PDB file of N, CA and C in Angstrom:
ATOM      1  N   MET A   1     226.245  41.138 154.829  1.00  0.00           N
ATOM      2  CA  MET A   1     225.682  40.302 156.133  1.00  0.00           C
ATOM      3  C   MET A   1     226.198  38.736 155.761  1.00  0.00           C
ATOM      4  N   ASP A   2     226.045  38.111 156.306  1.00  0.00           N
ATOM      5  CA  ASP A   2     226.624  36.580 156.376  1.00  0.00           C
ATOM      6  C   ASP A   2     225.607  36.019 155.890  1.00  0.00           C
ATOM      7  N   THR A   3     225.636  34.986 154.609  1.00  0.00           N
ATOM      8  CA  THR A   3     224.247  33.980 153.786  1.00  0.00           C
ATOM      9  C   THR A   3     224.055  33.247 154.547  1.00  0.00           C
ATOM     10  N   GLU A   4     224.340  32.907 155.871  1.00  0.00           N
ATOM     11  CA  GLU A   4     223.837  31.694 156.501  1.00  0.00           C
ATOM     12  C   GLU A   4     222.711  32.308 157.271  1.00  0.00           C
ATOM     13  N   LEU A   5     223.004  33.864 158.035  1.00  0.00           N
ATOM     14  CA  LEU A   5     222.233  34.632 158.357  1.00  0.00           C
ATOM     15  C   LEU A   5     220.932  34.772 157.960  1.00  0.00           C
ATOM     16  N   VAL A   6     221.314  35.267 156.616  1.00  0.00           N
ATOM     17  CA  VAL A   6     219.853  35.132 155.491  1.00  0.00           C
ATOM     18  C   VAL A   6     219.042  33.791 155.402  1.00  0.00           C
ATOM     19  N   LYS A   7     219.886  33.027 155.048  1.00  0.00           N
ATOM     20  CA  LYS A   7     219.259  31.651 155.053  1.00  0.00           C
ATOM     21  C   LYS A   7     218.367  31.240 156.227  1.00  0.00           C
ATOM     22  N   LYS A   8     218.970  31.225 157.104  1.00  0.00           N
ATOM     23  CA  LYS A   8     218.123  30.946 158.733  1.00  0.00           C
ATOM     24  C   LYS A   8     216.712  31.778 158.607  1.00  0.00           C
ATOM     25  N   VAL A   9     217.081  33.442 158.224  1.00  0.00           N
ATOM     26  CA  VAL A   9     215.747  33.958 158.211  1.00  0.00           C
ATOM     27  C   VAL A   9     214.732  33.611 157.326  1.00  0.00           C
ATOM     28  N   ARG A  10     215.365  33.558 156.594  1.00  0.00           N
ATOM     29  CA  ARG A  10     214.411  32.946 155.199  1.00  0.00           C
ATOM     30  C   ARG A  10     213.761  31.315 155.551  1.00  0.00           C
ATOM     31  N   ALA A  11     214.566  30.930 156.117  1.00  0.00           N
ATOM     32  CA  ALA A  11     213.824  29.738 156.557  1.00  0.00           C
ATOM     33  C   ALA A  11     212.711  29.367 157.587  1.00  0.00           C
ATOM     34  N   ALA A  12     212.936  30.134 158.891  1.00  0.00           N
ATOM     35  CA  ALA A  12     212.139  30.656 159.760  1.00  0.00           C
ATOM     36  C   ALA A  12     210.858  31.615 159.089  1.00  0.00           C
ATOM     37  N   ALA A  13     211.268  32.574 157.912  1.00  0.00           N
ATOM     38  CA  ALA A  13     210.062  32.917 157.343  1.00  0.00           C
ATOM     39  C   ALA A  13     208.884  32.038 156.856  1.00  0.00           C
ATOM     40  N   ALA A  14     209.803  31.461 156.123  1.00  0.00           N
ATOM     41  CA  ALA A  14     208.962  30.318 155.539  1.00  0.00           C
ATOM     42  C   ALA A  14     207.936  28.992 156.670  1.00  0.00           C
ATOM     43  N   ALA A  15     208.896  28.940 157.300  1.00  0.00           N
ATOM     44  CA  ALA A  15     208.007  27.703 158.042  1.00  0.00           C
ATOM     45  C   ALA A  15     207.155  28.717 159.050  1.00  0.00           C
ATOM     46  N   MET A  16     206.941  29.726 159.536  1.00  0.00           N
ATOM     47  CA  MET A  16     205.995  30.554 160.108  1.00  0.00           C
ATOM     48  C   MET A  16     205.138  30.923 159.401  1.00  0.00           C
ATOM     49  N   TRP A  17     205.262  30.964 158.073  1.00  0.00           N
ATOM     50  CA  TRP A  17     203.937  31.206 157.096  1.00  0.00           C
ATOM     51  C   TRP A  17     203.221  29.970 156.960  1.00  0.00           C
ATOM     52  N   SER A  18     204.103  28.501 157.181  1.00  0.00           N
ATOM     53  CA  SER A  18     203.460  27.439 156.873  1.00  0.00           C
ATOM     54  C   SER A  18     202.795  26.783 158.177  1.00  0.00           C
ATOM     55  N   VAL A  19     203.240  27.396 159.237  1.00  0.00           N
ATOM     56  CA  VAL A  19     202.354  27.318 160.620  1.00  0.00           C
ATOM     57  C   VAL A  19     201.206  28.000 160.768  1.00  0.00           C
ATOM     58  N   LEU A  20     200.638  29.172 160.169  1.00  0.00           N
ATOM     59  CA  LEU A  20     199.608  30.260 159.587  1.00  0.00           C
ATOM     60  C   LEU A  20     198.886  29.554 158.967  1.00  0.00           C
ATOM     61  N   VAL A  21     199.511  28.780 157.888  1.00  0.00           N
ATOM     62  CA  VAL A  21     198.529  28.479 157.084  1.00  0.00           C
ATOM     63  C   VAL A  21     197.415  26.791 157.316  1.00  0.00           C
ATOM     64  N   ILE A  22     198.497  26.335 158.391  1.00  0.00           N
ATOM     65  CA  ILE A  22     198.177  25.376 158.979  1.00  0.00           C
ATOM     66  C   ILE A  22     196.989  25.305 160.088  1.00  0.00           C
ATOM     67  N   GLY A  23     197.314  26.952 160.969  1.00  0.00           N
ATOM     68  CA  GLY A  23     196.581  27.257 161.538  1.00  0.00           C
ATOM     69  C   GLY A  23     194.867  27.818 161.023  1.00  0.00           C
ATOM     70  N   VAL A  24     195.446  28.253 160.257  1.00  0.00           N
ATOM     71  CA  VAL A  24     193.947  29.178 159.764  1.00  0.00           C
ATOM     72  C   VAL A  24     193.069  27.704 159.186  1.00  0.00           C
ATOM     73  N   VAL A  25     193.724  26.664 158.648  1.00  0.00           N
ATOM     74  CA  VAL A  25     192.984  26.046 158.239  1.00  0.00           C
ATOM     75  C   VAL A  25     191.983  25.014 159.380  1.00  0.00           C
ATOM     76  N   TRP A  26     192.934  24.783 160.389  1.00  0.00           N
ATOM     77  CA  TRP A  26     192.604  23.931 161.913  1.00  0.00           C
ATOM     78  C   TRP A  26     191.061  24.942 162.253  1.00  0.00           C
ATOM     79  N   VAL A  27     191.780  26.089 162.526  1.00  0.00           N
ATOM     80  CA  VAL A  27     190.880  27.169 163.120  1.00  0.00           C
ATOM     81  C   VAL A  27     189.164  27.258 162.088  1.00  0.00           C
ATOM     82  N   THR A  28     189.307  26.761 161.294  1.00  0.00           N
ATOM     83  CA  THR A  28     188.100  26.839 159.988  1.00  0.00           C
ATOM     84  C   THR A  28     187.069  25.646 160.174  1.00  0.00           C
ATOM     85  N   VAL A  29     188.294  24.495 159.646  1.00  0.00           N
ATOM     86  CA  VAL A  29     187.651  23.312 160.217  1.00  0.00           C
ATOM     87  C   VAL A  29     187.164  23.144 161.527  1.00  0.00           C
ATOM     88  N   ALA A  30     187.477  23.551 162.743  1.00  0.00           N
ATOM     89  CA  ALA A  30     186.877  23.673 163.923  1.00  0.00           C
ATOM     90  C   ALA A  30     185.928  24.404 164.212  1.00  0.00           C
ATOM     91  N   TYR A  31     185.992  25.658 163.260  1.00  0.00           N
ATOM     92  CA  TYR A  31     184.489  26.676 163.570  1.00  0.00           C
ATOM     93  C   TYR A  31     183.404  25.744 162.365  1.00  0.00           C
ATOM     94  N   PHE A  32     183.401  24.952 161.734  1.00  0.00           N
ATOM     95  CA  PHE A  32     182.645  24.239 160.887  1.00  0.00           C
ATOM     96  C   PHE A  32     181.951  23.129 161.790  1.00  0.00           C
ATOM     97  N   ILE A  33     183.139  22.499 162.281  1.00  0.00           N
ATOM     98  CA  ILE A  33     182.283  21.457 162.842  1.00  0.00           C
ATOM     99  C   ILE A  33     181.913  22.223 164.450  1.00  0.00           C
ATOM    100  N   TRP A  34     182.238  23.019 164.932  1.00  0.00           N
ATOM    101  CA  TRP A  34     180.882  24.092 166.030  1.00  0.00           C
ATOM    102  C   TRP A  34     180.118  24.159 165.631  1.00  0.00           C
ATOM    103  N   LEU A  35     179.789  24.643 164.363  1.00  0.00           N
ATOM    104  CA  LEU A  35     178.472  25.307 163.455  1.00  0.00           C
ATOM    105  C   LEU A  35     177.566  24.090 163.671  1.00  0.00           C
ATOM    106  N   ALA A  36     178.339  22.809 163.239  1.00  0.00           N
ATOM    107  CA  ALA A  36     177.255  21.466 163.305  1.00  0.00           C
ATOM    108  C   ALA A  36     176.960  20.841 164.528  1.00  0.00           C
ATOM    109  N   PHE A  37     177.798  21.090 165.448  1.00  0.00           N
ATOM    110  CA  PHE A  37     177.120  20.749 166.527  1.00  0.00           C
ATOM    111  C   PHE A  37     176.104  22.052 167.390  1.00  0.00           C
ATOM    112  N   MET A  38     176.196  23.353 166.794  1.00  0.00           N
ATOM    113  CA  MET A  38     175.125  24.340 167.102  1.00  0.00           C
ATOM    114  C   MET A  38     173.977  24.342 166.796  1.00  0.00           C
ATOM    115  N   HIS A  39     174.368  23.376 165.602  1.00  0.00           N
ATOM    116  CA  HIS A  39     173.042  23.283 164.601  1.00  0.00           C
ATOM    117  C   HIS A  39     172.007  21.773 164.831  1.00  0.00           C
ATOM    118  N   THR A  40     172.846  20.884 165.657  1.00  0.00           N
ATOM    119  CA  THR A  40     171.956  19.564 166.084  1.00  0.00           C
ATOM    120  C   THR A  40     171.830  19.781 167.580  1.00  0.00           C
ATOM    121  N   ARG A  41     172.629  20.330 168.200  1.00  0.00           N
ATOM    122  CA  ARG A  41     172.905  20.732 170.019  1.00  0.00           C
ATOM    123  C   ARG A  41     172.101  19.305 170.377  1.00  0.00           C
ATOM    124  N   PRO A  42     173.269  18.243 170.463  1.00  0.00           N
ATOM    125  CA  PRO A  42     173.290  17.218 170.996  1.00  0.00           C
ATOM    126  C   PRO A  42     173.024  17.043 172.528  1.00  0.00           C
ATOM    127  N   PRO A  43     172.062  16.198 172.615  1.00  0.00           N
ATOM    128  CA  PRO A  43     171.777  16.279 174.461  1.00  0.00           C
ATOM    129  C   PRO A  43     173.363  15.872 174.959  1.00  0.00           C
ATOM    130  N   TRP A  44     174.051  14.933 174.324  1.00  0.00           N
ATOM    131  CA  TRP A  44     175.316  14.473 175.385  1.00  0.00           C
ATOM    132  C   TRP A  44     176.470  15.765 175.557  1.00  0.00           C
ATOM    133  N   MET A  45     176.075  16.351 174.917  1.00  0.00           N
ATOM    134  CA  MET A  45     177.204  17.904 175.195  1.00  0.00           C
ATOM    135  C   MET A  45     176.590  18.382 176.473  1.00  0.00           C
ATOM    136  N   LEU A  46     175.516  18.768 176.887  1.00  0.00           N
ATOM    137  CA  LEU A  46     175.385  19.360 177.874  1.00  0.00           C
ATOM    138  C   LEU A  46     175.702  18.482 179.039  1.00  0.00           C
ATOM    139  N   ALA A  47     175.345  16.969 178.793  1.00  0.00           N
ATOM    140  CA  ALA A  47     175.783  15.784 180.195  1.00  0.00           C
ATOM    141  C   ALA A  47     177.474  15.821 180.250  1.00  0.00           C
ATOM    142  N   LEU A  48     178.067  16.187 179.087  1.00  0.00           N
ATOM    143  CA  LEU A  48     179.610  16.287 179.484  1.00  0.00           C
ATOM    144  C   LEU A  48     179.961  17.160 180.353  1.00  0.00           C
ATOM    145  N   ALA A  49     179.232  18.599 180.345  1.00  0.00           N
ATOM    146  CA  ALA A  49     179.467  19.551 180.731  1.00  0.00           C
ATOM    147  C   ALA A  49     178.650  19.496 182.534  1.00  0.00           C
ATOM    148  N   GLY A  50     178.209  18.633 182.865  1.00  0.00           N
ATOM    149  CA  GLY A  50     177.997  18.358 184.014  1.00  0.00           C
ATOM    150  C   GLY A  50     176.195  18.261 184.368  1.00  0.00           C
ATOM    151  N   GLY A  51     175.371  18.762 183.269  1.00  0.00           N
ATOM    152  CA  GLY A  51     174.157  18.882 182.429  1.00  0.00           C
ATOM    153  C   GLY A  51     173.138  19.694 183.177  1.00  0.00           C
ATOM    154  N   THR A  52     173.655  20.164 184.807  1.00  0.00           N
ATOM    155  CA  THR A  52     173.012  20.893 185.447  1.00  0.00           C
ATOM    156  C   THR A  52     173.589  22.126 185.625  1.00  0.00           C
ATOM    157  N   GLY A  53     172.796  23.547 185.188  1.00  0.00           N
ATOM    158  CA  GLY A  53     173.692  24.781 185.448  1.00  0.00           C
ATOM    159  C   GLY A  53     174.632  25.193 184.173  1.00  0.00           C
ATOM    160  N   PHE A  54     174.636  24.293 183.028  1.00  0.00           N
ATOM    161  CA  PHE A  54     174.901  24.757 181.961  1.00  0.00           C
ATOM    162  C   PHE A  54     174.286  24.574 180.602  1.00  0.00           C
ATOM    163  N   ASP A  55     173.875  25.361 180.150  1.00  0.00           N
ATOM    164  CA  ASP A  55     173.482  25.455 179.154  1.00  0.00           C
ATOM    165  C   ASP A  55     173.712  26.057 177.567  1.00  0.00           C
ATOM    166  N   TRP A  56     173.282  25.752 176.450  1.00  0.00           N
ATOM    167  CA  TRP A  56     173.617  26.587 175.449  1.00  0.00           C
ATOM    168  C   TRP A  56     174.383  27.741 175.425  1.00  0.00           C
ATOM    169  N   GLY A  57     173.533  28.723 175.809  1.00  0.00           N
ATOM    170  CA  GLY A  57     174.298  30.064 175.853  1.00  0.00           C
ATOM    171  C   GLY A  57     175.689  30.237 176.392  1.00  0.00           C
ATOM    172  N   ASP A  58     175.801  29.180 177.252  1.00  0.00           N
ATOM    173  CA  ASP A  58     177.602  29.081 177.872  1.00  0.00           C
ATOM    174  C   ASP A  58     178.464  28.748 177.043  1.00  0.00           C
ATOM    175  N   TYR A  59     177.987  27.751 176.262  1.00  0.00           N
ATOM    176  CA  TYR A  59     178.540  26.662 175.013  1.00  0.00           C
ATOM    177  C   TYR A  59     179.032  27.701 174.050  1.00  0.00           C
ATOM    178  N   GLN A  60     177.967  28.762 173.984  1.00  0.00           N
ATOM    179  CA  GLN A  60     178.364  29.855 173.010  1.00  0.00           C
ATOM    180  C   GLN A  60     179.262  30.696 173.425  1.00  0.00           C
ATOM    181  N   LEU A  61     179.544  30.945 175.013  1.00  0.00           N
ATOM    182  CA  LEU A  61     180.410  32.077 175.265  1.00  0.00           C
ATOM    183  C   LEU A  61     181.409  31.152 174.801  1.00  0.00           C
ATOM    184  N   MET A  62     181.471  29.909 175.569  1.00  0.00           N
ATOM    185  CA  MET A  62     183.269  29.601 175.744  1.00  0.00           C
ATOM    186  C   MET A  62     183.648  29.326 174.321  1.00  0.00           C
ATOM    187  N   ALA A  63     182.811  29.234 173.304  1.00  0.00           N
ATOM    188  CA  ALA A  63     183.215  29.166 171.949  1.00  0.00           C
ATOM    189  C   ALA A  63     183.743  30.320 171.286  1.00  0.00           C
ATOM    190  N   ILE A  64     183.108  31.473 171.681  1.00  0.00           N
ATOM    191  CA  ILE A  64     183.256  32.606 171.033  1.00  0.00           C
ATOM    192  C   ILE A  64     184.834  33.424 172.278  1.00  0.00           C
ATOM    193  N   ALA A  65     184.885  32.826 173.147  1.00  0.00           N
ATOM    194  CA  ALA A  65     186.608  32.967 173.933  1.00  0.00           C
ATOM    195  C   ALA A  65     187.248  31.914 173.346  1.00  0.00           C
ATOM    196  N   PHE A  66     186.975  30.859 173.116  1.00  0.00           N
ATOM    197  CA  PHE A  66     188.282  30.095 172.516  1.00  0.00           C
ATOM    198  C   PHE A  66     188.520  30.709 171.246  1.00  0.00           C
ATOM    199  N   PHE A  67     187.628  30.770 169.908  1.00  0.00           N
ATOM    200  CA  PHE A  67     187.931  31.361 168.809  1.00  0.00           C
ATOM    201  C   PHE A  67     188.697  32.559 168.814  1.00  0.00           C
ATOM    202  N   GLY A  68     188.303  33.676 169.520  1.00  0.00           N
ATOM    203  CA  GLY A  68     188.947  34.436 169.512  1.00  0.00           C
ATOM    204  C   GLY A  68     190.265  34.865 170.226  1.00  0.00           C
ATOM    205  N   LEU A  69     190.501  34.009 171.202  1.00  0.00           N
ATOM    206  CA  LEU A  69     191.480  34.107 171.260  1.00  0.00           C
ATOM    207  C   LEU A  69     192.421  33.173 170.250  1.00  0.00           C
ATOM    208  N   ILE A  70     191.910  32.271 169.641  1.00  0.00           N
ATOM    209  CA  ILE A  70     193.067  31.791 169.225  1.00  0.00           C
ATOM    210  C   ILE A  70     192.810  32.517 167.740  1.00  0.00           C
ATOM    211  N   LYS A  71     192.328  33.007 167.316  1.00  0.00           N
ATOM    212  CA  LYS A  71     192.817  34.176 166.453  1.00  0.00           C
ATOM    213  C   LYS A  71     193.363  35.019 166.666  1.00  0.00           C
ATOM    214  N   LEU A  72     193.389  35.835 168.052  1.00  0.00           N
ATOM    215  CA  LEU A  72     194.433  36.635 168.266  1.00  0.00           C
ATOM    216  C   LEU A  72     195.859  36.333 168.306  1.00  0.00           C
ATOM    217  N   GLY A  73     195.495  35.035 168.620  1.00  0.00           N
ATOM    218  CA  GLY A  73     197.372  34.421 168.493  1.00  0.00           C
ATOM    219  C   GLY A  73     197.696  34.352 167.110  1.00  0.00           C
ATOM    220  N   LEU A  74     196.785  33.919 166.133  1.00  0.00           N
ATOM    221  CA  LEU A  74     197.191  34.106 164.760  1.00  0.00           C
ATOM    222  C   LEU A  74     197.703  35.025 164.102  1.00  0.00           C
ATOM    223  N   PHE A  75     196.724  36.170 164.956  1.00  0.00           N
ATOM    224  CA  PHE A  75     197.347  37.922 164.373  1.00  0.00           C
ATOM    225  C   PHE A  75     198.494  37.783 164.786  1.00  0.00           C
ATOM    226  N   ALA A  76     199.007  37.697 166.103  1.00  0.00           N
ATOM    227  CA  ALA A  76     200.327  37.833 166.418  1.00  0.00           C
ATOM    228  C   ALA A  76     201.314  37.115 165.516  1.00  0.00           C
ATOM    229  N   LEU A  77     201.091  35.476 165.544  1.00  0.00           N
ATOM    230  CA  LEU A  77     202.175  35.195 164.041  1.00  0.00           C
ATOM    231  C   LEU A  77     202.239  35.802 163.047  1.00  0.00           C
ATOM    232  N   VAL A  78     200.901  36.135 162.600  1.00  0.00           N
ATOM    233  CA  VAL A  78     200.881  37.209 161.502  1.00  0.00           C
ATOM    234  C   VAL A  78     201.798  38.197 161.118  1.00  0.00           C
ATOM    235  N   GLY A  79     202.190  38.884 162.478  1.00  0.00           N
ATOM    236  CA  GLY A  79     202.885  40.513 162.750  1.00  0.00           C
ATOM    237  C   GLY A  79     204.097  39.330 162.733  1.00  0.00           C
ATOM    238  N   ALA A  80     204.361  38.580 162.864  1.00  0.00           N
ATOM    239  CA  ALA A  80     206.054  37.703 163.414  1.00  0.00           C
ATOM    240  C   ALA A  80     206.474  37.175 161.994  1.00  0.00           C
ATOM    241  N   ALA A  81     205.451  37.071 161.006  1.00  0.00           N
ATOM    242  CA  ALA A  81     205.475  36.237 159.793  1.00  0.00           C
ATOM    243  C   ALA A  81     205.910  37.229 158.835  1.00  0.00           C
ATOM    244  N   VAL A  82     205.058  38.433 159.100  1.00  0.00           N
ATOM    245  CA  VAL A  82     205.568  39.546 157.918  1.00  0.00           C
ATOM    246  C   VAL A  82     206.968  40.006 158.485  1.00  0.00           C
ATOM    247  N   TRP A  83     207.194  40.238 159.504  1.00  0.00           N
ATOM    248  CA  TRP A  83     208.598  41.337 160.389  1.00  0.00           C
ATOM    249  C   TRP A  83     209.875  40.064 159.830  1.00  0.00           C
ATOM    250  N   LEU A  84     209.645  38.553 159.944  1.00  0.00           N
ATOM    251  CA  LEU A  84     210.723  37.893 159.574  1.00  0.00           C
ATOM    252  C   LEU A  84     210.855  37.904 157.860  1.00  0.00           C
ATOM    253  N   THR A  85     209.234  38.123 156.886  1.00  0.00           N
ATOM    254  CA  THR A  85     209.781  37.798 155.917  1.00  0.00           C
ATOM    255  C   THR A  85     210.699  39.649 155.288  1.00  0.00           C
ATOM    256  N   LEU A  86     209.877  40.511 155.712  1.00  0.00           N
ATOM    257  CA  LEU A  86     210.981  41.698 155.520  1.00  0.00           C
ATOM    258  C   LEU A  86     212.358  41.677 156.023  1.00  0.00           C
ATOM    259  N   PHE A  87     212.498  41.049 157.093  1.00  0.00           N
ATOM    260  CA  PHE A  87     214.031  41.535 157.825  1.00  0.00           C
ATOM    261  C   PHE A  87     215.117  40.832 156.727  1.00  0.00           C
ATOM    262  N   ALA A  88     214.052  39.470 155.850  1.00  0.00           N
ATOM    263  CA  ALA A  88     215.283  38.792 155.010  1.00  0.00           C
ATOM    264  C   ALA A  88     215.689  39.434 154.452  1.00  0.00           C
ATOM    265  N   ARG A  89     214.290  39.643 153.798  1.00  0.00           N
ATOM    266  CA  ARG A  89     214.607  40.808 152.391  1.00  0.00           C
ATOM    267  C   ARG A  89     215.347  41.829 152.460  1.00  0.00           C
ATOM    268  N   ARG A  90     215.328  42.957 153.763  1.00  0.00           N
ATOM    269  CA  ARG A  90     216.519  43.563 154.054  1.00  0.00           C
ATOM    270  C   ARG A  90     217.914  43.435 153.785  1.00  0.00           C
ATOM    271  N   LEU A  91     218.158  42.163 154.977  1.00  0.00           N
ATOM    272  CA  LEU A  91     219.203  41.175 154.901  1.00  0.00           C
ATOM    273  C   LEU A  91     220.043  41.268 153.501  1.00  0.00           C
ATOM    274  N   GLU A  92     219.084  40.583 152.818  1.00  0.00           N
ATOM    275  CA  GLU A  92     219.491  40.252 151.376  1.00  0.00           C
ATOM    276  C   GLU A  92     220.223  40.960 150.819  1.00  0.00           C
ATOM    277  N   ARG A  93     219.184  42.230 150.860  1.00  0.00           N
ATOM    278  CA  ARG A  93     219.431  43.828 150.295  1.00  0.00           C
ATOM    279  C   ARG A  93     220.538  43.970 150.536  1.00  0.00           C
ATOM    280  N   ASP A  94     221.127  44.275 151.734  1.00  0.00           N
ATOM    281  CA  ASP A  94     222.199  44.799 151.842  1.00  0.00           C
ATOM    282  C   ASP A  94     223.544  43.804 152.053  1.00  0.00           C
ATOM    283  N   ARG A  95     223.495  42.780 151.664  1.00  0.00           N
ATOM    284  CA  ARG A  95     224.433  42.016 151.224  1.00  0.00           C
ATOM    285  C   ARG A  95     225.687  42.082 150.728  1.00  0.00           C
TER     286      ARG A  95
END
């Protein structure tokens, strides 16, 4: 195989793993910040949502949906990163 293609695929795999590390760190920090807000339950957060008809259960539901969707996206990126890594290894082996 072409050595340029192997280099590009390896670089793409390395970039994908870097994006995953940054994404996991970001989600973890955001989750701990969310836990701090849920522990203190500041009244200004309810005021940001309009104040009426919106309670802490709604905030929890939104957080579960948000973090769930972000984790699904990260899981898809893990699949792509593993595939790129294995593809780069196969290209190098067949070279």
